[in-house]
Protein backbone atom coordinates (compact mmCIF):
# COMPACT_ATOMS: atom_id res chain seq x y z
CA ARG A 1 91.45 109.44 111.76
CA ALA A 2 94.92 110.07 110.51
CA SER A 3 93.62 112.94 108.39
CA ARG A 4 92.39 114.64 111.66
CA CYS A 5 95.96 115.04 112.86
CA LEU A 6 96.87 117.24 109.91
CA PRO A 7 94.48 120.22 110.04
CA ALA A 8 95.79 121.06 113.57
CA ALA A 9 99.39 120.88 112.24
CA ALA A 10 98.62 123.09 109.30
CA CYS A 11 96.88 125.64 111.62
CA ASN A 12 100.06 125.81 113.74
CA ARG A 13 102.25 126.28 110.61
CA LEU A 14 103.69 122.80 111.02
CA LEU A 15 104.68 120.59 107.98
CA HIS A 16 105.38 117.03 108.84
CA ARG A 17 107.01 116.43 105.44
CA ASP A 18 107.18 112.63 105.66
CA ILE A 19 103.55 111.34 105.63
CA LYS A 20 103.65 107.60 104.69
CA PRO A 21 102.28 104.27 106.19
CA ASN A 22 105.30 103.63 108.37
CA ASN A 23 104.73 106.94 110.16
CA VAL A 24 101.07 106.34 110.95
CA GLY A 25 100.37 104.05 113.87
CA VAL A 26 97.05 102.60 115.24
CA PHE A 27 96.70 101.45 118.86
CA SER A 28 94.45 98.63 119.90
CA ASP A 29 91.92 101.14 121.24
CA GLY A 30 91.63 102.78 117.81
CA ARG A 31 93.70 105.90 118.57
CA VAL A 32 95.66 107.00 115.54
CA VAL A 33 99.12 108.67 115.97
CA LEU A 34 101.37 110.43 113.47
CA ALA A 35 105.02 109.56 114.25
CA ASP A 36 108.60 110.65 113.18
CA PHE A 37 108.78 114.40 113.33
CA ARG A 38 112.53 114.54 112.33
CA LEU A 39 111.72 116.40 109.11
CA LEU A 40 109.29 118.88 110.81
CA SER A 41 109.28 122.38 109.50
CA ARG A 42 107.55 125.31 111.44
CA GLY A 43 106.65 128.64 109.76
CA HIS A 44 107.25 131.97 111.33
CA LYS A 45 104.75 133.30 113.72
CA ASP A 46 104.77 136.68 112.07
CA ALA A 47 104.30 135.30 108.62
CA ALA A 48 102.02 137.68 106.57
CA ASP A 49 100.34 134.78 104.77
CA ASP A 50 100.32 131.31 106.41
CA ASP A 51 99.28 129.76 103.00
CA ALA A 52 102.15 131.25 101.15
CA ALA A 53 104.61 128.78 99.65
CA ARG A 54 107.96 128.83 101.26
CA GLN A 55 111.36 127.97 99.80
CA LEU A 56 112.01 124.96 101.98
CA THR A 57 114.39 122.08 101.47
CA GLY A 58 113.32 120.02 98.51
CA MET A 59 113.51 116.23 98.08
CA THR A 60 112.41 115.99 101.62
CA GLY A 61 110.64 112.75 102.77
CA SER A 62 109.81 109.53 100.92
CA LEU A 63 109.72 110.14 97.12
CA ARG A 64 106.69 107.74 96.62
CA TYR A 65 104.59 109.94 98.80
CA MET A 66 106.21 113.28 97.97
CA ALA A 67 104.41 116.17 96.26
CA PRO A 68 105.80 117.34 92.96
CA GLU A 69 106.74 120.74 94.13
CA VAL A 70 108.81 119.09 97.01
CA ALA A 71 110.49 116.66 94.68
CA LEU A 72 111.30 119.42 92.24
CA SER A 73 112.68 121.71 95.02
CA GLN A 74 110.13 124.42 94.35
CA PRO A 75 108.48 126.52 97.04
CA TYR A 76 105.70 124.68 98.88
CA ASN A 77 103.19 124.87 101.80
CA HIS A 78 100.73 122.67 103.60
CA LYS A 79 99.09 121.62 100.35
CA ALA A 80 102.17 119.35 99.77
CA GLU A 81 100.98 117.50 102.82
CA VAL A 82 97.59 117.03 101.11
CA PHE A 83 99.31 115.40 98.15
CA SER A 84 101.27 113.05 100.45
CA PHE A 85 98.13 112.20 102.37
CA THR A 86 96.34 111.43 99.16
CA SER A 87 99.10 109.00 98.15
CA LEU A 88 98.63 107.45 101.62
CA LEU A 89 94.93 107.22 101.12
CA TYR A 90 95.43 105.63 97.78
CA HIS A 91 97.75 102.97 99.36
CA MET A 92 95.09 102.19 102.02
CA LEU A 93 92.17 101.91 99.57
CA SER A 94 93.94 100.06 96.80
CA ARG A 95 96.25 98.03 98.98
CA ARG A 96 99.04 98.98 96.53
CA LYS A 97 101.88 101.32 96.78
CA PRO A 98 101.39 104.47 94.77
CA PHE A 99 103.68 104.70 91.79
CA GLU A 100 105.05 101.29 92.71
CA PHE A 101 106.77 100.35 89.42
CA MET A 102 108.43 103.78 89.01
CA THR A 103 112.15 104.43 89.61
CA PRO A 104 113.06 107.85 91.01
CA SER A 105 113.82 109.21 87.58
CA VAL A 106 110.59 107.93 86.16
CA PHE A 107 108.58 109.40 89.04
CA LEU A 108 110.14 112.76 88.56
CA ARG A 109 109.41 112.62 84.80
CA GLU A 110 105.91 111.01 84.72
CA VAL A 111 104.43 112.11 88.01
CA CYS A 112 106.08 115.51 88.85
CA CYS A 113 106.48 116.88 85.41
CA GLY A 114 104.02 114.77 83.41
CA GLY A 115 101.09 114.74 85.81
CA ASN A 116 100.39 111.06 85.58
CA ARG A 117 98.61 109.36 88.45
CA PRO A 118 97.38 105.77 88.99
CA PRO A 119 93.63 105.33 88.22
CA PRO A 120 91.24 105.08 91.10
CA GLY A 121 89.51 101.78 92.02
CA GLN A 122 86.43 101.12 90.00
CA ALA A 123 84.43 100.13 93.06
CA TRP A 124 85.40 103.21 95.03
CA PRO A 125 82.70 105.62 95.97
CA PHE A 126 82.37 108.78 93.68
CA GLN A 127 83.37 110.96 96.63
CA LEU A 128 86.68 109.17 96.93
CA HIS A 129 87.28 109.33 93.23
CA ALA A 130 86.86 113.11 93.38
CA LEU A 131 88.90 113.42 96.50
CA VAL A 132 92.00 111.51 95.26
CA LYS A 133 91.75 113.34 91.95
CA ALA A 134 91.79 116.85 93.66
CA GLY A 135 94.32 115.78 96.25
CA TRP A 136 96.73 114.63 93.52
CA SER A 137 96.35 117.87 91.58
CA SER A 138 99.59 119.13 90.10
CA THR A 139 98.47 122.65 91.09
CA ALA A 140 98.88 122.94 94.83
CA SER A 141 96.14 125.58 95.27
CA HIS A 142 93.59 123.25 93.59
CA ARG A 143 94.00 120.58 96.21
CA PRO A 144 91.45 120.61 99.14
CA GLU A 145 92.08 121.78 102.63
CA PHE A 146 92.52 119.04 105.14
CA ALA A 147 89.19 120.06 106.78
CA GLU A 148 87.47 119.19 103.56
CA VAL A 149 89.51 115.97 103.30
CA VAL A 150 88.19 114.95 106.81
CA ARG A 151 84.64 115.93 106.06
CA VAL A 152 84.60 113.80 102.85
CA LEU A 153 86.16 110.78 104.55
CA GLU A 154 83.81 110.86 107.57
CA GLU A 155 80.79 111.37 105.38
CA THR A 156 81.80 108.49 103.05
CA ALA A 157 82.45 106.14 106.05
CA ARG A 158 79.08 106.89 107.39
CA GLU A 159 77.32 106.15 104.11
CA VAL A 160 79.23 102.99 103.46
CA SER A 161 78.49 101.77 107.01
CA ALA A 162 74.83 102.55 106.76
CA ALA A 163 74.60 100.74 103.33
CA GLY A 164 76.46 97.69 104.70
CA GLY A 165 79.25 98.14 102.13
CA HIS A 166 77.17 97.15 99.10
CA ALA A 167 75.91 100.55 97.78
CA PHE A 168 79.31 102.04 97.15
CA LEU A 169 81.77 99.06 96.84
CA GLY A 170 80.47 97.31 93.72
CA GLY A 171 78.71 94.40 95.57
CA ARG A 172 81.43 93.60 97.98
CA THR A 173 80.36 92.05 101.21
CA PRO A 174 79.59 94.23 104.21
CA ASP A 175 82.67 93.02 105.97
CA ALA A 176 84.82 94.06 102.97
CA GLY A 177 83.27 97.48 102.96
CA ARG A 178 83.87 98.08 106.68
CA ARG A 179 87.52 96.87 106.34
CA LEU A 180 88.08 99.15 103.43
CA LEU A 181 86.91 102.40 105.02
CA LEU A 182 86.32 101.93 108.69
CA ASP A 183 88.82 99.56 110.30
CA PRO A 184 92.45 100.80 110.56
CA PRO A 185 95.31 98.31 110.38
CA ARG A 186 96.93 97.43 113.52
CA MET A 187 100.23 98.83 114.72
CA SER A 188 102.02 95.50 114.41
CA ARG A 189 101.00 95.27 110.72
CA ILE A 190 102.34 98.80 110.01
CA GLN A 191 105.54 98.25 111.80
CA SER A 192 106.24 95.00 109.89
CA ALA A 193 105.50 96.55 106.47
CA ARG A 194 108.90 98.02 105.95
CA SER A 195 108.49 98.19 102.10
CA PHE A 196 105.67 100.75 102.50
CA ALA A 197 108.24 103.39 103.41
CA GLN A 198 109.95 103.13 99.98
């Protein structure tokens, strides 16, 4: 559901620039909200190419979820948000912070310049393997559009739900499968997890 917020933002030339768990909230009725727009950037209405990379402020946001081009102060566009969302997705699926043992200097060297990424979970569905790999591409143009991200996530959720969690999740129980892909964390859990923002 969080991924559904981002295609609309991209269509309106909006870049959130700080996608991370602490900025995603889930209400008791299941509604998902994207919060904290202090770093929001908006493109010009008369821009000739909405997809063109722009020279915006680098090192903006939370480094652990930051796209390489942002961390390296290179021009960037909405595909930087796809990278950040992929890091958020990895965090949700693996229950581990992306690049958790890296210092800022190691992150810049190994992730931004070296292209290293954490391996996907062995029990993840193939579709999620492919989505995370593409979303973490070092080449921004190779990352999927958010509409494709939403399509893959919704399709995978339906398949896992229909299979009771067993078919794609390496024999995990149905409850584990539903928790992994279908049940969002509650707002209180997100608010208490201050370390997620680092």
